[in-house]
Amino acid sequence: MIPRKACTLFIWQVVVSAEARGQGLALRMLCELLQRGHSEEVRFLETTITKENEASWALFRKLAKELSAKLEVSVAFDKETHFFGEHETEHLVRIGPFN
């Protein structure tokens, strides 16, 4: 949970072992997370993704569709401004609101 955004769950990383990929496990894990703990308070989910990370884009687009929620994208950390050209731009993905 983000301290100043109590209704927002931030996902840092989602990892599935190579042997288990392609079975929908990542989506199931995210849905399970949203069912646990403070689920009644969570109305948004946020993560950051680089442009080239097609697997993450597909996962979070699928999650937004599963939740019937809007997916918004903005720049979170710019390649030049924040990473001095050493890392790709990280895009903030915000999904919600959802129940």
Protein backbone atom coordinates (compact mmCIF):
# COMPACT_ATOMS: atom_id res chain seq x y z
CA MET A 1 0.00 0.00 0.00
CA ILE A 2 1.23 3.50 -0.76
CA PRO A 3 1.27 5.50 2.51
CA ARG A 4 -0.16 8.75 1.12
CA LYS A 5 -2.49 6.89 -1.25
CA ALA A 6 -4.20 4.46 1.09
CA CYS A 7 -6.52 3.20 -1.64
CA THR A 8 -3.64 2.26 -3.97
CA LEU A 9 -1.69 -0.99 -4.07
CA PHE A 10 1.75 -0.67 -5.68
CA ILE A 11 3.18 -3.76 -7.37
CA TRP A 12 6.97 -3.64 -7.56
CA GLN A 13 7.58 -6.81 -9.57
CA VAL A 14 5.80 -9.92 -10.76
CA VAL A 15 7.96 -12.98 -11.40
CA VAL A 16 6.97 -16.44 -12.58
CA SER A 17 9.54 -19.18 -13.11
CA ALA A 18 10.19 -20.19 -16.71
CA GLU A 19 8.57 -23.59 -16.20
CA ALA A 20 5.29 -22.04 -15.00
CA ARG A 21 4.93 -19.27 -17.60
CA GLY A 22 2.05 -19.22 -20.04
CA GLN A 23 -0.48 -20.68 -17.60
CA GLY A 24 -2.02 -17.45 -16.31
CA LEU A 25 -0.26 -17.70 -12.95
CA ALA A 26 0.81 -14.03 -12.81
CA LEU A 27 -2.75 -12.83 -13.39
CA ARG A 28 -4.07 -15.24 -10.75
CA MET A 29 -1.45 -14.01 -8.25
CA LEU A 30 -2.44 -10.37 -8.81
CA CYS A 31 -6.14 -11.17 -8.47
CA GLU A 32 -5.44 -13.10 -5.27
CA LEU A 33 -3.47 -10.15 -3.86
CA LEU A 34 -6.41 -7.88 -4.52
CA GLN A 35 -8.70 -10.27 -2.61
CA ARG A 36 -6.52 -10.30 0.52
CA GLY A 37 -6.06 -8.02 3.48
CA HIS A 38 -7.23 -4.51 2.79
CA SER A 39 -9.09 -5.45 -0.39
CA GLU A 40 -12.15 -3.40 0.54
CA GLU A 41 -9.94 -0.29 0.71
CA VAL A 42 -8.00 -0.88 -2.51
CA ARG A 43 -9.49 0.93 -5.49
CA PHE A 44 -6.37 1.37 -7.64
CA LEU A 45 -3.29 -0.61 -8.55
CA GLU A 46 -0.05 0.98 -9.77
CA THR A 47 3.17 -0.38 -11.21
CA THR A 48 5.98 0.84 -13.45
CA ILE A 49 6.92 -0.78 -16.76
CA THR A 50 9.54 -0.01 -19.41
CA LYS A 51 8.31 0.35 -22.99
CA GLU A 52 10.03 -2.86 -24.11
CA ASN A 53 8.57 -5.14 -21.42
CA GLU A 54 5.83 -6.68 -23.55
CA ALA A 55 5.01 -9.45 -21.06
CA SER A 56 4.28 -6.93 -18.29
CA TRP A 57 2.20 -4.73 -20.60
CA ALA A 58 0.14 -7.76 -21.62
CA LEU A 59 -0.32 -8.84 -17.99
CA PHE A 60 -1.50 -5.47 -16.71
CA ARG A 61 -3.75 -4.85 -19.73
CA LYS A 62 -5.32 -8.25 -19.07
CA LEU A 63 -5.73 -7.38 -15.38
CA ALA A 64 -7.48 -4.11 -16.24
CA LYS A 65 -9.82 -5.99 -18.55
CA GLU A 66 -10.46 -8.64 -15.87
CA LEU A 67 -11.33 -5.88 -13.37
CA SER A 68 -13.35 -3.88 -15.94
CA ALA A 69 -11.18 -0.92 -14.98
CA LYS A 70 -9.48 1.92 -16.80
CA LEU A 71 -5.71 1.68 -17.46
CA GLU A 72 -3.82 4.99 -17.54
CA VAL A 73 -0.18 5.45 -18.50
CA SER A 74 2.19 8.33 -17.70
CA VAL A 75 5.93 8.75 -17.33
CA ALA A 76 7.10 7.90 -13.81
CA PHE A 77 10.88 8.05 -14.24
CA ASP A 78 12.41 9.51 -17.39
CA LYS A 79 15.50 7.89 -18.92
CA GLU A 80 17.47 11.12 -19.11
CA THR A 81 16.07 13.07 -16.17
CA HIS A 82 16.06 10.31 -13.58
CA PHE A 83 18.45 7.67 -14.91
CA PHE A 84 21.03 9.84 -16.75
CA GLY A 85 20.55 7.66 -19.84
CA GLU A 86 21.54 4.49 -17.97
CA HIS A 87 18.07 2.87 -17.73
CA GLU A 88 14.97 2.95 -19.90
CA THR A 89 12.06 5.23 -19.00
CA GLU A 90 9.69 3.67 -16.48
CA HIS A 91 6.02 4.29 -17.26
CA LEU A 92 3.54 4.51 -14.42
CA VAL A 93 0.58 2.24 -15.06
CA ARG A 94 -2.50 3.00 -12.97
CA ILE A 95 -5.51 0.69 -13.06
CA GLY A 96 -8.81 1.63 -11.50
CA PRO A 97 -11.01 2.50 -9.92
CA PHE A 98 -12.32 -0.98 -9.17
CA ASN A 99 -14.14 -2.64 -6.29
